[in-house]
Amino acid sequence: MTAEEEHARDLDLLQRWNTTLLAARSGREGPDPAPYGRNLLSRWAEPQRRYHTVDHLRAVLDRIDELADQGGEGGELELVRLAAWFHDAVYRPDRSENEERSAALAEKALTEAGLTPHEVTEVARLVRLTTSHDPAAGDLNGETLCDADLAILATDPDTYGGYAAAVREEYAFVPEPAFREGRATVLRHLLGLPRLFRTPYGAAVWEEKARANMERELAELTTEPAGEGREQPEARP
């Protein structure tokens, strides 16, 4: 992507952020949304990221829109979109508290930005939910966000392979055997869920493709020798 294309992408995302925050405020007074959006975009562009980048943010937002276009599941879509913006806003692959720190950032920023206590609490809850991707039955907001976040698993094999390789790059500091073991644990957890995708659309369109991709990756991780210099994917979605 050229610098001009990145600039255009970021301008589009900033406009989407502004629109979402203003819609969530429902006409209530509050500060200019733009500085908050620019801060978030700078976080998503940090150099340690390879998969959890601005492109991932845009993909999750697009999948939320896709779910809404397919009839949606009700819920509070503007809050779901805000949760997408914050769900990996704090991301350090060498730390385990990223979701909690991202949720805390959402609580602070969205309170300042004019959301109600209920709205702030709900966005933070959704951010924390991306730790497990296991929303309760009937949690319409959680189902939409988690499905959108996991939709990368249901892409074509080449795109999935690029995703997995990018995740491996984020965990380059982890030795290969430990990486394979950790990644396999994550995949087994996801494959062990009764359903990866909780919305009717996600279950119908994404479930089968995602399971095929993950089963193929798991087989490669657990049957191929970890040769020197060989890079295989790992970590969470």
Protein backbone atom coordinates (compact mmCIF):
# COMPACT_ATOMS: atom_id res chain seq x y z
CA MET A 1 0.00 0.00 0.00
CA THR A 2 1.40 3.39 -1.00
CA ALA A 3 1.59 6.35 1.38
CA GLU A 4 -1.25 8.00 -0.54
CA GLU A 5 -3.42 4.90 -0.21
CA GLU A 6 -2.70 4.67 3.51
CA HIS A 7 -3.62 8.34 3.93
CA ALA A 8 -6.91 7.83 2.09
CA ARG A 9 -7.65 4.72 4.17
CA ASP A 10 -7.00 6.58 7.41
CA LEU A 11 -9.18 9.52 6.34
CA ASP A 12 -12.01 7.12 5.56
CA LEU A 13 -11.63 5.38 8.91
CA LEU A 14 -11.50 8.68 10.77
CA GLN A 15 -14.76 9.71 9.12
CA ARG A 16 -16.30 6.39 10.11
CA TRP A 17 -15.13 6.93 13.69
CA ASN A 18 -16.59 10.44 13.80
CA THR A 19 -19.91 9.22 12.42
CA THR A 20 -20.08 6.33 14.87
CA LEU A 21 -19.27 8.36 17.97
CA LEU A 22 -21.71 11.12 17.05
CA ALA A 23 -24.43 8.55 16.41
CA ALA A 24 -23.73 6.88 19.74
CA ARG A 25 -24.07 10.24 21.51
CA SER A 26 -27.53 10.67 19.95
CA GLY A 27 -27.31 14.44 19.73
CA ARG A 28 -25.80 14.96 23.18
CA GLU A 29 -23.06 17.56 23.48
CA GLY A 30 -19.49 16.40 23.68
CA PRO A 31 -15.95 17.09 22.51
CA ASP A 32 -14.76 16.83 18.92
CA PRO A 33 -14.54 13.11 18.06
CA ALA A 34 -11.57 13.51 15.71
CA PRO A 35 -8.71 13.65 18.26
CA TYR A 36 -9.91 10.41 19.81
CA GLY A 37 -10.04 8.77 16.40
CA ARG A 38 -6.56 9.95 15.47
CA ASN A 39 -5.20 8.63 18.76
CA LEU A 40 -6.75 5.24 18.11
CA LEU A 41 -5.41 5.10 14.56
CA SER A 42 -1.91 5.86 15.84
CA ARG A 43 -2.23 2.97 18.28
CA TRP A 44 -3.34 0.57 15.54
CA ALA A 45 -0.29 1.62 13.48
CA GLU A 46 2.33 0.79 16.13
CA PRO A 47 5.45 -0.94 14.76
CA GLN A 48 5.13 -4.17 16.80
CA ARG A 49 1.93 -5.09 14.95
CA ARG A 50 1.84 -7.36 11.94
CA TYR A 51 -1.71 -8.71 11.97
CA HIS A 52 -3.43 -6.51 14.58
CA THR A 53 -3.06 -3.45 12.38
CA VAL A 54 -5.22 -0.72 10.90
CA ASP A 55 -6.18 -3.18 8.17
CA HIS A 56 -7.53 -5.58 10.79
CA LEU A 57 -9.54 -2.75 12.35
CA ARG A 58 -11.03 -1.89 8.97
CA ALA A 59 -11.81 -5.55 8.25
CA VAL A 60 -13.68 -5.96 11.55
CA LEU A 61 -15.69 -2.80 10.91
CA ASP A 62 -16.52 -4.04 7.41
CA ARG A 63 -17.66 -7.40 8.76
CA ILE A 64 -19.92 -5.64 11.30
CA ASP A 65 -21.45 -3.75 8.39
CA GLU A 66 -21.81 -7.02 6.45
CA LEU A 67 -23.65 -8.61 9.35
CA ALA A 68 -25.91 -5.57 9.63
CA ASP A 69 -26.59 -5.63 5.87
CA GLN A 70 -27.62 -9.28 6.14
CA GLY A 71 -30.36 -8.43 8.57
CA GLY A 72 -28.31 -8.00 11.71
CA GLU A 73 -29.31 -9.45 15.04
CA GLY A 74 -30.61 -6.31 16.69
CA GLY A 75 -28.40 -5.01 19.44
CA GLU A 76 -26.65 -1.66 19.65
CA LEU A 77 -24.57 -1.51 16.50
CA GLU A 78 -22.92 1.83 17.25
CA LEU A 79 -21.62 0.46 20.53
CA VAL A 80 -20.43 -2.68 18.75
CA ARG A 81 -18.57 -0.51 16.24
CA LEU A 82 -16.97 1.49 19.06
CA ALA A 83 -15.91 -1.76 20.71
CA ALA A 84 -14.26 -2.79 17.44
CA TRP A 85 -12.21 0.39 17.50
CA PHE A 86 -11.00 -0.33 21.03
CA HIS A 87 -10.75 -4.13 21.08
CA ASP A 88 -7.04 -4.25 20.16
CA ALA A 89 -6.20 -0.59 20.79
CA VAL A 90 -3.65 -1.74 23.36
CA TYR A 91 -1.65 -4.58 21.86
CA ARG A 92 1.67 -5.98 22.98
CA PRO A 93 2.19 -9.60 21.91
CA ASP A 94 4.46 -10.23 24.90
CA ARG A 95 1.69 -9.36 27.40
CA SER A 96 -1.50 -11.13 28.40
CA GLU A 97 -3.59 -8.19 29.63
CA ASN A 98 -4.17 -6.47 26.29
CA GLU A 99 -7.97 -6.81 26.33
CA GLU A 100 -8.20 -5.52 29.90
CA ARG A 101 -5.99 -2.53 29.13
CA SER A 102 -7.94 -1.86 25.93
CA ALA A 103 -11.20 -1.96 27.90
CA ALA A 104 -9.79 0.46 30.47
CA LEU A 105 -8.77 2.80 27.65
CA ALA A 106 -12.31 2.65 26.27
CA GLU A 107 -13.77 3.46 29.68
CA LYS A 108 -11.58 6.53 30.06
CA ALA A 109 -11.84 7.83 26.50
CA LEU A 110 -15.55 7.27 25.97
CA THR A 111 -16.47 8.84 29.31
CA GLU A 112 -14.55 11.94 28.26
CA ALA A 113 -16.13 11.77 24.79
CA GLY A 114 -19.67 12.08 26.14
CA LEU A 115 -21.14 8.58 26.33
CA THR A 116 -23.44 7.57 29.16
CA PRO A 117 -22.27 5.18 31.91
CA HIS A 118 -24.37 2.39 30.37
CA GLU A 119 -22.82 2.91 26.95
CA VAL A 120 -19.27 3.04 28.32
CA THR A 121 -19.82 -0.09 30.40
CA GLU A 122 -21.23 -1.98 27.42
CA VAL A 123 -18.35 -1.07 25.11
CA ALA A 124 -15.82 -2.12 27.73
CA ARG A 125 -17.68 -5.39 28.30
CA LEU A 126 -17.56 -6.15 24.60
CA VAL A 127 -13.84 -5.43 24.44
CA ARG A 128 -13.22 -7.85 27.31
CA LEU A 129 -15.36 -10.45 25.57
CA THR A 130 -12.83 -10.71 22.74
CA THR A 131 -10.55 -12.55 25.18
CA SER A 132 -12.70 -15.68 24.87
CA HIS A 133 -14.89 -15.02 21.80
CA ASP A 134 -17.60 -16.93 23.65
CA PRO A 135 -20.66 -14.69 24.09
CA ALA A 136 -23.65 -15.95 26.04
CA ALA A 137 -26.73 -17.02 24.12
CA GLY A 138 -28.82 -13.97 23.31
CA ASP A 139 -25.93 -11.51 23.67
CA LEU A 140 -26.62 -9.79 20.37
CA ASN A 141 -23.88 -7.19 20.71
CA GLY A 142 -21.31 -9.78 21.72
CA GLU A 143 -22.30 -12.18 18.96
CA THR A 144 -21.86 -9.49 16.32
CA LEU A 145 -18.48 -8.28 17.55
CA CYS A 146 -17.04 -11.75 18.07
CA ASP A 147 -18.23 -12.98 14.68
CA ALA A 148 -16.72 -9.95 12.97
CA ASP A 149 -13.42 -10.39 14.79
CA LEU A 150 -13.21 -14.10 13.90
CA ALA A 151 -14.27 -13.67 10.27
CA ILE A 152 -10.62 -13.71 9.14
CA LEU A 153 -10.68 -17.44 9.94
CA ALA A 154 -13.21 -17.97 7.14
CA THR A 155 -11.25 -16.35 4.32
CA ASP A 156 -9.75 -18.18 1.34
CA PRO A 157 -6.70 -20.36 2.11
CA ASP A 158 -4.17 -17.84 0.75
CA THR A 159 -5.61 -14.98 2.82
CA TYR A 160 -5.77 -17.24 5.86
CA GLY A 161 -2.16 -18.21 5.31
CA GLY A 162 -1.17 -14.55 5.19
CA TYR A 163 -3.04 -13.93 8.45
CA ALA A 164 -1.32 -16.86 10.14
CA ALA A 165 2.10 -15.76 8.91
CA ALA A 166 1.49 -12.21 10.18
CA VAL A 167 0.54 -13.53 13.61
CA ARG A 168 3.75 -15.58 13.64
CA GLU A 169 5.72 -12.41 12.92
CA GLU A 170 4.12 -10.70 15.91
CA TYR A 171 5.40 -13.58 18.05
CA ALA A 172 8.85 -13.76 16.50
CA PHE A 173 10.37 -13.61 19.99
CA VAL A 174 8.79 -16.98 20.87
CA PRO A 175 10.90 -20.07 20.03
CA GLU A 176 9.36 -22.29 17.39
CA PRO A 177 8.44 -25.29 19.60
CA ALA A 178 6.75 -23.08 22.20
CA PHE A 179 5.00 -21.13 19.49
CA ARG A 180 3.60 -24.25 17.86
CA GLU A 181 2.36 -25.54 21.20
CA GLY A 182 0.70 -22.24 22.11
CA ARG A 183 -0.89 -21.75 18.73
CA ALA A 184 -2.19 -25.31 18.70
CA THR A 185 -3.79 -24.70 22.10
CA VAL A 186 -5.60 -21.64 20.76
CA LEU A 187 -6.83 -23.51 17.70
CA ARG A 188 -8.05 -26.45 19.76
CA HIS A 189 -9.97 -24.07 22.02
CA LEU A 190 -11.70 -22.46 19.07
CA LEU A 191 -12.39 -25.76 17.32
CA GLY A 192 -13.83 -27.10 20.57
CA LEU A 193 -16.52 -24.43 20.71
CA PRO A 194 -19.94 -25.77 19.67
CA ARG A 195 -20.13 -22.89 17.21
CA LEU A 196 -17.44 -20.43 16.18
CA PHE A 197 -19.98 -18.01 14.76
CA ARG A 198 -23.11 -17.16 16.72
CA THR A 199 -25.07 -15.02 14.27
CA PRO A 200 -27.21 -16.93 11.75
CA TYR A 201 -25.30 -15.35 8.86
CA GLY A 202 -21.89 -16.15 10.34
CA ALA A 203 -22.90 -19.72 11.10
CA ALA A 204 -24.24 -20.25 7.58
CA VAL A 205 -21.52 -18.49 5.58
CA TRP A 206 -18.31 -18.57 7.67
CA GLU A 207 -18.39 -21.61 9.97
CA GLU A 208 -17.43 -24.39 7.55
CA LYS A 209 -14.64 -22.41 5.88
CA ALA A 210 -13.16 -21.35 9.21
CA ARG A 211 -13.08 -24.87 10.61
CA ALA A 212 -11.43 -26.21 7.46
CA ASN A 213 -8.72 -23.53 7.66
CA MET A 214 -8.02 -24.10 11.34
CA GLU A 215 -8.01 -27.89 11.07
CA ARG A 216 -5.49 -27.65 8.24
CA GLU A 217 -3.28 -25.28 10.23
CA LEU A 218 -3.53 -27.46 13.35
CA ALA A 219 -2.49 -30.52 11.37
CA GLU A 220 0.55 -28.67 10.03
CA LEU A 221 1.52 -27.46 13.49
CA THR A 222 1.28 -30.87 15.10
CA THR A 223 2.66 -33.15 12.39
CA GLU A 224 5.46 -31.21 10.69
CA PRO A 225 8.88 -30.94 12.34
CA ALA A 226 9.88 -27.47 13.54
CA GLY A 227 12.89 -26.93 11.34
CA GLU A 228 15.40 -24.19 12.04
CA GLY A 229 14.19 -20.86 10.76
CA ARG A 230 10.77 -22.24 9.86
CA GLU A 231 7.95 -19.85 10.68
CA GLN A 232 4.48 -21.07 11.58
CA PRO A 233 1.53 -19.06 12.90
CA GLU A 234 0.42 -18.86 16.51
CA ALA A 235 -1.41 -16.85 19.10
CA ARG A 236 -4.97 -15.68 19.31
CA PRO A 237 -7.11 -14.35 16.46
